[in-house]
């Protein structure tokens, strides 16, 4: 009787134990699957995060490149703006130069006649002026006339030579000089010392100091001067012009200006 009851008790226990073992085994399998799925999700998450990090890094690089390109674009805009202004200025200068070239061509056609007229005017001036250094001044005019028809000289060079001759004449008006020459006095050729004070006075004195005179440009003739009154002054002026004496006031026969 007891043995029968024990068997009856063990049988349910064994059955329950088997069922419990199966349940535990099933739960263990399920846990493994859960863990595997969780690990797979973690791997996927890590891969996704790595991809996100890589994309973020690429995005930052692209953003830096974008900023750098924008800076280059801004610099190019400024550079292009300056170039446009320079091109505009150059186009204006080209237009001005082309206009100047046209004017130069017109001027070049007029220059030969102008040079000839200036030489004629210079020739007339020399002949009407106080007669000092006449040979030198006439030779200068002839030199200019000879150069007018020379083909190896440009119009600009001919014009420059004429301007230089005019400048020399201008300097004569500010000069103070003495030189020796001969003069015809009452049909007699005499050796004299000339003293020129600009263009306001041209006087002479014979080398022996006996005679003196002044040029009257209105009458175009020489006029005698009292040797005693002006002789010493002329001699002093000659010495001053030769830098043999200090500059001082001189009593010279200067024509009074005419009232207009």
Protein backbone atom coordinates (compact mmCIF):
# COMPACT_ATOMS: atom_id res chain seq x y z
CA UNK A 1 0.00 0.00 0.00
CA UNK A 2 2.73 2.45 0.85
CA UNK A 3 4.73 1.41 -2.12
CA UNK A 4 1.81 2.08 -4.37
CA UNK A 5 1.31 5.57 -2.97
CA UNK A 6 4.99 6.35 -3.35
CA UNK A 7 4.88 5.39 -6.99
CA UNK A 8 1.85 7.51 -7.46
CA UNK A 9 3.68 10.46 -5.90
CA UNK A 10 6.94 10.02 -7.79
CA UNK A 11 5.20 9.73 -11.11
CA UNK A 12 3.68 13.22 -10.97
CA UNK A 13 6.94 14.62 -9.62
CA UNK A 14 8.89 13.11 -12.46
CA UNK A 15 6.36 14.41 -14.92
CA UNK A 16 6.52 17.88 -13.38
CA UNK A 17 10.31 17.77 -13.36
CA UNK A 18 10.35 16.84 -17.00
CA UNK A 19 7.98 19.58 -17.83
CA UNK A 20 10.03 22.06 -15.77
CA UNK A 21 13.22 20.98 -17.49
CA UNK A 22 11.61 21.42 -20.86
CA UNK A 23 10.38 24.83 -19.86
CA UNK A 24 13.81 25.83 -18.59
CA UNK A 25 15.39 24.55 -21.77
CA UNK A 26 12.84 26.48 -23.82
CA UNK A 27 13.45 29.61 -21.76
CA UNK A 28 17.19 29.18 -22.12
CA UNK A 29 16.85 28.91 -25.87
CA UNK A 30 14.61 31.94 -25.92
CA UNK A 31 17.12 33.95 -23.83
CA UNK A 32 19.92 33.01 -26.18
CA UNK A 33 17.84 34.22 -29.08
CA UNK A 34 17.06 37.45 -27.25
CA UNK A 35 20.71 37.97 -26.46
CA UNK A 36 21.66 37.24 -30.03
CA UNK A 37 19.07 39.71 -31.29
CA UNK A 38 20.24 42.30 -28.76
CA UNK A 39 23.86 41.82 -29.81
CA UNK A 40 22.86 42.11 -33.44
CA UNK A 41 20.99 45.33 -32.66
CA UNK A 42 24.01 46.66 -30.75
CA UNK A 43 26.25 45.82 -33.70
CA UNK A 44 23.82 47.51 -36.02
CA UNK A 45 23.66 50.51 -33.70
CA UNK A 46 27.46 50.71 -33.54
CA UNK A 47 27.65 50.48 -37.31
CA UNK A 48 24.95 53.14 -37.62
CA UNK A 49 26.78 55.41 -35.17
CA UNK A 50 30.05 54.92 -37.03
CA UNK A 51 28.27 55.79 -40.26
CA UNK A 52 26.69 58.81 -38.60
CA UNK A 53 30.10 59.91 -37.28
CA UNK A 54 31.62 59.45 -40.73
CA UNK A 55 28.81 61.43 -42.35
CA UNK A 56 29.13 64.14 -39.72
CA UNK A 57 32.89 64.37 -40.38
CA UNK A 58 32.27 64.53 -44.11
CA UNK A 59 29.62 67.18 -43.53
CA UNK A 60 32.06 69.26 -41.47
CA UNK A 61 34.68 68.90 -44.19
CA UNK A 62 32.17 69.89 -46.83
CA UNK A 63 31.11 72.88 -44.71
CA UNK A 64 34.74 74.02 -44.36
CA UNK A 65 35.23 73.59 -48.10
CA UNK A 66 32.04 75.56 -48.70
CA UNK A 67 33.23 78.38 -46.46
CA UNK A 68 36.64 78.42 -48.16
CA UNK A 69 35.02 78.50 -51.60
CA UNK A 70 32.75 81.35 -50.47
CA UNK A 71 35.80 83.32 -49.33
CA UNK A 72 37.44 82.72 -52.69
CA UNK A 73 34.27 83.83 -54.44
CA UNK A 74 34.14 87.03 -52.36
CA UNK A 75 37.79 87.70 -53.18
CA UNK A 76 37.17 87.08 -56.86
CA UNK A 77 34.20 89.44 -56.79
CA UNK A 78 36.39 92.21 -55.35
CA UNK A 79 39.17 91.39 -57.83
CA UNK A 80 36.76 91.37 -60.76
CA UNK A 81 35.28 94.67 -59.62
CA UNK A 82 38.75 96.24 -59.58
CA UNK A 83 39.51 94.75 -62.98
CA UNK A 84 36.30 96.21 -64.38
CA UNK A 85 37.28 99.66 -63.09
CA UNK A 86 40.77 99.28 -64.52
CA UNK A 87 39.40 98.15 -67.86
CA UNK A 88 37.03 101.11 -67.89
CA UNK A 89 39.89 103.50 -67.16
CA UNK A 90 42.07 101.85 -69.80
CA UNK A 91 39.30 102.12 -72.36
CA UNK A 92 38.98 105.81 -71.51
CA UNK A 93 42.74 106.29 -71.85
CA UNK A 94 42.72 104.46 -75.17
CA UNK A 95 39.97 106.78 -76.39
CA UNK A 96 41.95 109.81 -75.17
CA UNK A 97 45.12 108.53 -76.84
CA UNK A 98 43.30 107.91 -80.09
CA UNK A 99 41.93 111.44 -79.92
CA UNK A 100 45.41 112.77 -79.19
CA UNK A 101 46.81 110.81 -82.13
CA UNK A 102 44.25 112.44 -84.39
CA UNK A 103 45.19 115.85 -83.02
CA UNK A 104 48.89 115.07 -83.44
CA UNK A 105 48.34 114.12 -87.06
CA UNK A 106 46.59 117.42 -87.64
CA UNK A 107 49.34 119.26 -85.76
CA UNK A 108 52.05 117.49 -87.76
CA UNK A 109 50.51 118.75 -90.97
CA UNK A 110 50.52 122.28 -89.57
CA UNK A 111 53.95 122.13 -87.95
CA UNK A 112 56.13 122.71 -91.06
CA UNK A 113 54.33 125.98 -91.84
CA UNK A 114 54.56 127.00 -88.19
CA UNK A 115 58.32 126.31 -88.13
CA UNK A 116 58.86 128.41 -91.27
CA UNK A 117 56.79 131.28 -89.83
CA UNK A 118 58.74 131.16 -86.57
CA UNK A 119 62.05 131.27 -88.44
CA UNK A 120 60.84 134.24 -90.48
CA UNK A 121 59.75 135.98 -87.29
CA UNK A 122 63.10 135.29 -85.65
CA UNK A 123 64.94 136.63 -88.69
CA UNK A 124 62.94 139.85 -88.63
CA UNK A 125 63.46 140.22 -84.91
CA UNK A 126 67.24 139.85 -85.18
CA UNK A 127 67.41 142.47 -87.93
CA UNK A 128 65.22 144.90 -85.99
CA UNK A 129 66.88 144.27 -82.64
CA UNK A 130 69.92 145.91 -81.09
CA UNK A 131 72.83 144.82 -83.36
CA UNK A 132 74.94 142.75 -80.99
CA UNK A 133 76.57 139.47 -82.03
CA UNK A 134 74.91 139.85 -85.42
CA UNK A 135 77.07 137.32 -87.25
CA UNK A 136 76.36 134.62 -84.68
CA UNK A 137 72.63 135.33 -84.60
CA UNK A 138 72.29 135.48 -88.40
CA UNK A 139 74.19 132.22 -88.77
CA UNK A 140 71.76 130.63 -86.30
CA UNK A 141 68.80 131.75 -88.43
CA UNK A 142 70.45 130.41 -91.59
CA UNK A 143 71.13 127.12 -89.84
CA UNK A 144 67.42 126.82 -89.04
CA UNK A 145 66.44 127.65 -92.62
CA UNK A 146 68.81 125.01 -94.00
CA UNK A 147 67.26 122.39 -91.71
CA UNK A 148 63.69 123.06 -92.81
CA UNK A 149 64.05 120.97 -95.98
CA UNK A 150 66.17 118.21 -94.45
CA UNK A 151 64.45 114.84 -94.72
CA UNK A 152 66.60 113.22 -92.04
CA UNK A 153 65.19 115.51 -89.34
CA UNK A 154 61.72 115.09 -87.89
CA UNK A 155 59.34 117.98 -87.62
CA UNK A 156 59.62 117.70 -83.84
CA UNK A 157 63.40 118.12 -84.01
CA UNK A 158 63.11 121.14 -86.30
CA UNK A 159 60.58 122.69 -83.94
CA UNK A 160 62.86 121.98 -80.97
CA UNK A 161 65.75 123.75 -82.68
CA UNK A 162 63.59 126.81 -83.36
CA UNK A 163 62.46 126.90 -79.73
CA UNK A 164 66.07 126.65 -78.61
CA UNK A 165 66.98 129.64 -80.83
CA UNK A 166 64.09 131.63 -79.33
CA UNK A 167 65.28 130.71 -75.85
CA UNK A 168 68.78 131.96 -76.66
CA UNK A 169 67.32 135.28 -77.80
CA UNK A 170 65.32 135.42 -74.59
CA UNK A 171 68.46 134.92 -72.52
CA UNK A 172 70.15 137.81 -74.34
CA UNK A 173 67.65 140.15 -72.70
CA UNK A 174 68.91 139.09 -69.29
CA UNK A 175 72.61 138.95 -70.12
CA UNK A 176 75.49 141.27 -69.37
CA UNK A 177 78.48 140.78 -71.63
CA UNK A 178 81.42 142.41 -73.35
CA UNK A 179 83.21 141.50 -76.55
CA UNK A 180 85.66 143.09 -78.96
CA UNK A 181 84.91 143.86 -82.61
CA UNK A 182 85.32 146.54 -85.23
CA UNK A 183 83.01 149.42 -86.07
CA UNK A 184 82.83 151.91 -88.93
CA UNK A 185 83.07 155.42 -87.51
CA UNK A 186 82.82 158.18 -90.12
CA UNK A 187 84.20 155.85 -92.77
CA UNK A 188 87.05 154.67 -90.56
CA UNK A 189 87.16 151.14 -89.16
CA UNK A 190 88.00 151.24 -85.47
CA UNK A 191 88.70 148.48 -82.92
CA UNK A 192 86.28 148.82 -80.07
CA UNK A 193 85.08 147.06 -76.92
CA UNK A 194 81.33 146.55 -76.82
CA UNK A 195 79.34 146.40 -73.59
CA UNK A 196 75.83 145.01 -73.72
CA UNK A 197 73.43 145.36 -70.83
CA UNK A 198 70.49 143.14 -71.73
CA UNK A 199 68.66 144.89 -74.51
CA UNK A 200 68.43 148.25 -72.77
CA UNK A 201 71.91 149.46 -73.69
CA UNK A 202 74.61 148.63 -76.22
CA UNK A 203 77.64 150.91 -75.91
CA UNK A 204 81.15 150.89 -77.28
CA UNK A 205 84.49 152.42 -76.48
CA UNK A 206 87.53 152.52 -78.71
CA UNK A 207 90.45 150.50 -77.45
CA UNK A 208 92.41 153.70 -76.87
CA UNK A 209 89.52 155.11 -74.83
CA UNK A 210 89.25 158.24 -76.92
CA UNK A 211 85.73 157.69 -78.22
CA UNK A 212 82.52 156.18 -76.93
CA UNK A 213 79.04 155.72 -78.31
CA UNK A 214 75.63 154.10 -77.86
CA UNK A 215 73.25 152.40 -80.26
CA UNK A 216 69.94 154.19 -80.88
CA UNK A 217 67.51 151.53 -82.00
CA UNK A 218 64.92 154.09 -83.11
CA UNK A 219 67.24 155.78 -85.56
CA UNK A 220 69.10 152.52 -86.19
CA UNK A 221 72.42 154.35 -85.83
CA UNK A 222 75.32 154.87 -83.45
CA UNK A 223 75.41 158.04 -81.43
CA UNK A 224 78.56 159.52 -79.91
CA UNK A 225 78.83 159.87 -76.16
CA UNK A 226 80.93 162.30 -74.16
CA UNK A 227 84.03 160.23 -73.50
CA UNK A 228 84.69 161.98 -70.20
CA UNK A 229 81.16 161.44 -68.88
CA UNK A 230 80.73 157.79 -69.86
CA UNK A 231 84.29 156.60 -70.54
CA UNK A 232 85.03 155.49 -67.00
CA UNK A 233 81.60 153.86 -66.60
CA UNK A 234 82.05 151.85 -69.81
CA UNK A 235 85.54 150.75 -68.77
CA UNK A 236 84.20 149.64 -65.39
CA UNK A 237 81.33 147.82 -67.08
CA UNK A 238 83.77 145.97 -69.36
CA UNK A 239 85.83 144.89 -66.37
CA UNK A 240 82.72 143.79 -64.48
CA UNK A 241 81.52 141.77 -67.49
CA UNK A 242 84.94 140.10 -67.65
CA UNK A 243 84.66 139.36 -63.90
CA UNK A 244 87.70 141.51 -63.23
CA UNK A 245 85.85 143.88 -60.89
CA UNK A 246 83.03 143.78 -58.39
CA UNK A 247 79.53 144.67 -59.49
CA UNK A 248 78.56 148.28 -58.85
CA UNK A 249 76.14 150.90 -60.12
CA UNK A 250 77.09 152.37 -63.48
CA UNK A 251 75.99 155.53 -65.17
CA UNK A 252 74.81 154.33 -68.59
CA UNK A 253 72.86 156.01 -71.39
CA UNK A 254 69.58 154.16 -71.30
CA UNK A 255 66.69 155.23 -73.48
CA UNK A 256 63.66 156.33 -71.49
CA UNK A 257 60.52 154.23 -72.05
CA UNK A 258 57.89 155.85 -74.19
CA UNK A 259 54.43 156.56 -72.81
CA UNK A 260 51.71 154.49 -74.47
